[in-house]
């Protein structure tokens, strides 16, 4: 299901006051919270309210609407509010955060280098997916930098998968060095060979 639907929006009216959104998140039914979340992206100052409410929300439909509104706001503040959910122990929150961040390409770009250097391997792995959204030259630079230092095979595999799609000749020496470091990891060695063959086959 796409994060941001393109169907007619039944809420395409003047947004409610921020105080009403806060009240709905605190005391409303799931339907009232959903309506408030869907309206919030048009209300100045709502990003922080959405982020705080998202930490408490247990209804999947309301959470999706909250992530969607934060993605529509697409500011540095909304990115900062979503990033902590990449560390969640709950898969549904990590997935929601990743989808929201994918939807705001320009706002996320300044954070990619930091995410690829994060101390949490799971965050670095998810960051490889976000790199798909930047121009190919920048994506290649970021992922090659990651591969030169990365010690987790799963993170390398994620980076290699993206490089297989967008990488150029400059990525080949980096892939070769990574293959040598992980020569005892058959799956990763195989993935690197496939990626290098794909890159070499490009015109």
Protein backbone atom coordinates (compact mmCIF):
# COMPACT_ATOMS: atom_id res chain seq x y z
CA UNK A 1 0.00 0.00 0.00
CA UNK A 2 1.54 3.33 -0.98
CA UNK A 3 2.36 5.70 1.81
CA UNK A 4 0.74 8.71 0.14
CA UNK A 5 -2.45 7.98 -1.73
CA UNK A 6 -3.44 10.03 -4.74
CA UNK A 7 -7.17 9.56 -4.44
CA UNK A 8 -9.50 12.44 -3.69
CA UNK A 9 -9.03 13.61 -0.14
CA UNK A 10 -12.30 13.93 1.78
CA UNK A 11 -10.51 16.24 4.20
CA UNK A 12 -9.62 18.86 1.57
CA UNK A 13 -11.12 21.65 3.65
CA UNK A 14 -9.61 24.25 5.97
CA UNK A 15 -7.47 22.43 8.56
CA UNK A 16 -8.62 22.48 12.18
CA UNK A 17 -6.80 24.53 14.82
CA UNK A 18 -3.73 22.88 16.27
CA UNK A 19 -5.43 22.69 19.67
CA UNK A 20 -8.11 20.44 18.20
CA UNK A 21 -5.49 18.11 16.76
CA UNK A 22 -3.72 17.92 20.13
CA UNK A 23 -7.04 17.16 21.86
CA UNK A 24 -7.92 14.46 19.31
CA UNK A 25 -4.56 12.76 19.73
CA UNK A 26 -4.90 12.84 23.51
CA UNK A 27 -8.56 11.89 23.97
CA UNK A 28 -10.14 11.05 20.62
CA UNK A 29 -11.36 7.77 19.17
CA UNK A 30 -9.21 6.01 16.58
CA UNK A 31 -11.33 7.60 13.84
CA UNK A 32 -10.91 11.08 15.35
CA UNK A 33 -7.17 10.55 15.69
CA UNK A 34 -6.99 9.40 12.06
CA UNK A 35 -8.85 12.50 10.87
CA UNK A 36 -6.57 14.71 12.96
CA UNK A 37 -3.45 12.99 11.63
CA UNK A 38 -4.65 13.37 8.04
CA UNK A 39 -5.29 17.08 8.57
CA UNK A 40 -2.17 17.90 10.53
CA UNK A 41 0.31 18.36 7.68
CA UNK A 42 -1.38 21.64 6.71
CA UNK A 43 -1.16 23.09 10.22
CA UNK A 44 1.90 25.16 11.21
CA UNK A 45 3.70 23.68 14.20
CA UNK A 46 2.13 20.26 13.87
CA UNK A 47 5.30 18.23 13.20
CA UNK A 48 6.32 18.04 16.85
CA UNK A 49 2.77 17.12 17.87
CA UNK A 50 2.68 14.34 15.27
CA UNK A 51 6.04 12.99 16.38
CA UNK A 52 5.04 12.90 20.04
CA UNK A 53 1.67 11.29 19.28
CA UNK A 54 3.34 8.68 17.08
CA UNK A 55 5.33 7.35 20.03
CA UNK A 56 2.03 6.54 21.81
CA UNK A 57 -0.18 5.45 18.92
CA UNK A 58 -1.18 1.79 18.75
CA UNK A 59 -3.64 1.87 15.84
CA UNK A 60 -1.95 0.92 12.55
CA UNK A 61 -4.21 3.11 10.39
CA UNK A 62 -3.61 6.16 12.57
CA UNK A 63 0.14 5.53 12.63
CA UNK A 64 0.21 5.38 8.85
CA UNK A 65 -1.62 8.71 8.65
CA UNK A 66 0.85 10.26 11.11
CA UNK A 67 3.86 9.05 9.13
CA UNK A 68 2.21 10.30 5.95
CA UNK A 69 1.62 13.78 7.37
CA UNK A 70 5.21 14.01 8.60
CA UNK A 71 6.37 12.97 5.13
CA UNK A 72 4.21 15.66 3.55
CA UNK A 73 5.66 18.29 5.87
CA UNK A 74 9.11 17.17 4.67
CA UNK A 75 11.23 19.52 6.77
CA UNK A 76 14.40 18.90 8.75
CA UNK A 77 12.23 18.81 11.85
CA UNK A 78 9.99 16.06 10.49
CA UNK A 79 13.01 14.02 9.41
CA UNK A 80 14.52 14.37 12.89
CA UNK A 81 11.25 13.21 14.44
CA UNK A 82 11.07 10.11 12.22
CA UNK A 83 14.72 8.99 12.40
CA UNK A 84 14.50 7.53 15.95
CA UNK A 85 11.88 5.05 14.73
CA UNK A 86 14.56 3.39 12.57
CA UNK A 87 15.94 2.08 15.89
CA UNK A 88 12.63 0.70 17.11
CA UNK A 89 12.40 -2.93 18.20
CA UNK A 90 9.05 -3.04 16.37
CA UNK A 91 9.30 -3.93 12.68
CA UNK A 92 6.13 -2.03 11.81
CA UNK A 93 7.60 1.21 13.17
CA UNK A 94 10.88 0.71 11.32
CA UNK A 95 8.96 0.05 8.11
CA UNK A 96 6.71 3.07 8.59
CA UNK A 97 9.70 5.29 9.25
CA UNK A 98 11.58 3.98 6.22
CA UNK A 99 8.58 4.54 3.93
CA UNK A 100 8.12 8.08 5.26
CA UNK A 101 11.79 8.93 4.80
CA UNK A 102 11.74 7.54 1.26
CA UNK A 103 8.86 9.90 0.47
CA UNK A 104 10.87 13.04 1.37
CA UNK A 105 14.02 12.59 -0.68
CA UNK A 106 15.41 16.11 -0.51
CA UNK A 107 14.91 16.51 3.22
CA UNK A 108 16.62 13.19 4.00
CA UNK A 109 19.71 13.62 1.82
CA UNK A 110 21.72 15.68 4.35
CA UNK A 111 21.35 12.88 6.91
CA UNK A 112 22.50 9.94 4.76
CA UNK A 113 26.22 10.14 5.52
CA UNK A 114 25.53 10.19 9.24
CA UNK A 115 23.11 7.26 8.97
CA UNK A 116 25.63 5.20 7.01
CA UNK A 117 28.16 5.79 9.81
CA UNK A 118 25.72 5.01 12.62
CA UNK A 119 26.88 2.66 15.36
CA UNK A 120 23.80 0.47 14.87
CA UNK A 121 24.24 -1.98 11.98
CA UNK A 122 20.46 -2.16 11.46
CA UNK A 123 20.34 1.61 10.92
CA UNK A 124 23.21 1.41 8.43
CA UNK A 125 21.38 -1.35 6.57
CA UNK A 126 18.18 0.69 6.33
CA UNK A 127 20.20 3.72 5.24
CA UNK A 128 21.41 1.77 2.21
CA UNK A 129 17.79 1.62 1.09
CA UNK A 130 17.39 5.37 1.49
CA UNK A 131 20.45 5.97 -0.69
CA UNK A 132 18.44 4.67 -3.65
CA UNK A 133 16.64 8.03 -3.69
CA UNK A 134 19.67 10.23 -4.36
CA UNK A 135 21.32 10.75 -7.78
CA UNK A 136 23.38 7.77 -8.92
CA UNK A 137 26.79 9.49 -8.63
CA UNK A 138 26.08 10.55 -5.05
CA UNK A 139 24.63 7.14 -4.18
CA UNK A 140 27.73 5.43 -5.55
CA UNK A 141 30.03 7.71 -3.54
CA UNK A 142 28.12 7.09 -0.33
CA UNK A 143 27.92 3.32 -0.73
CA UNK A 144 31.53 2.92 -1.79
CA UNK A 145 32.57 4.87 1.27
CA UNK A 146 30.49 2.54 3.41
CA UNK A 147 31.96 -0.61 1.83
CA UNK A 148 35.53 0.53 2.44
CA UNK A 149 34.99 0.46 6.20
CA UNK A 150 31.98 -1.78 6.88
CA UNK A 151 32.50 -4.92 8.96
CA UNK A 152 28.98 -6.35 8.96
CA UNK A 153 28.29 -8.71 6.01
CA UNK A 154 24.56 -7.98 5.98
CA UNK A 155 25.15 -4.24 5.68
CA UNK A 156 27.64 -4.83 2.87
CA UNK A 157 25.14 -7.05 1.10
CA UNK A 158 22.53 -4.29 1.23
CA UNK A 159 25.00 -1.76 -0.20
CA UNK A 160 26.11 -4.20 -2.90
CA UNK A 161 22.51 -4.79 -3.93
CA UNK A 162 22.01 -1.07 -4.54
CA UNK A 163 25.37 -0.70 -6.31
CA UNK A 164 24.38 -3.51 -8.66
CA UNK A 165 21.57 -1.24 -9.87
CA UNK A 166 23.25 2.18 -9.91
CA UNK A 167 27.00 1.62 -9.70
CA UNK A 168 29.59 2.55 -12.32
CA UNK A 169 33.15 1.54 -13.10
CA UNK A 170 34.50 3.44 -10.07
CA UNK A 171 32.68 0.98 -7.82
CA UNK A 172 34.50 -2.08 -9.20
CA UNK A 173 37.78 -1.69 -7.22
CA UNK A 174 35.78 -1.07 -4.05
CA UNK A 175 33.73 -4.21 -4.66
CA UNK A 176 36.90 -6.20 -5.27
CA UNK A 177 38.42 -5.07 -1.97
CA UNK A 178 35.20 -5.87 -0.15
CA UNK A 179 35.19 -9.34 -1.73
CA UNK A 180 38.70 -9.97 -0.45
CA UNK A 181 37.80 -8.89 3.10
CA UNK A 182 34.75 -11.15 3.16
CA UNK A 183 36.09 -14.07 1.14
CA UNK A 184 34.91 -16.43 3.89
CA UNK A 185 31.30 -15.26 3.42
CA UNK A 186 30.10 -17.18 0.32
CA UNK A 187 26.80 -15.37 -0.02
CA UNK A 188 28.42 -11.94 0.02
CA UNK A 189 31.17 -13.01 -2.38
CA UNK A 190 28.52 -14.30 -4.77
CA UNK A 191 26.50 -11.05 -4.46
CA UNK A 192 29.60 -8.97 -5.20
CA UNK A 193 30.42 -11.04 -8.29
CA UNK A 194 26.86 -10.60 -9.58
CA UNK A 195 26.99 -6.84 -8.94
CA UNK A 196 30.39 -6.48 -10.64
CA UNK A 197 29.18 -8.44 -13.68
CA UNK A 198 26.12 -6.21 -13.96
CA UNK A 199 28.22 -3.06 -13.75
CA UNK A 200 30.68 -4.33 -16.37
CA UNK A 201 27.80 -5.17 -18.70
CA UNK A 202 26.52 -1.58 -18.70
CA UNK A 203 27.29 0.43 -21.86
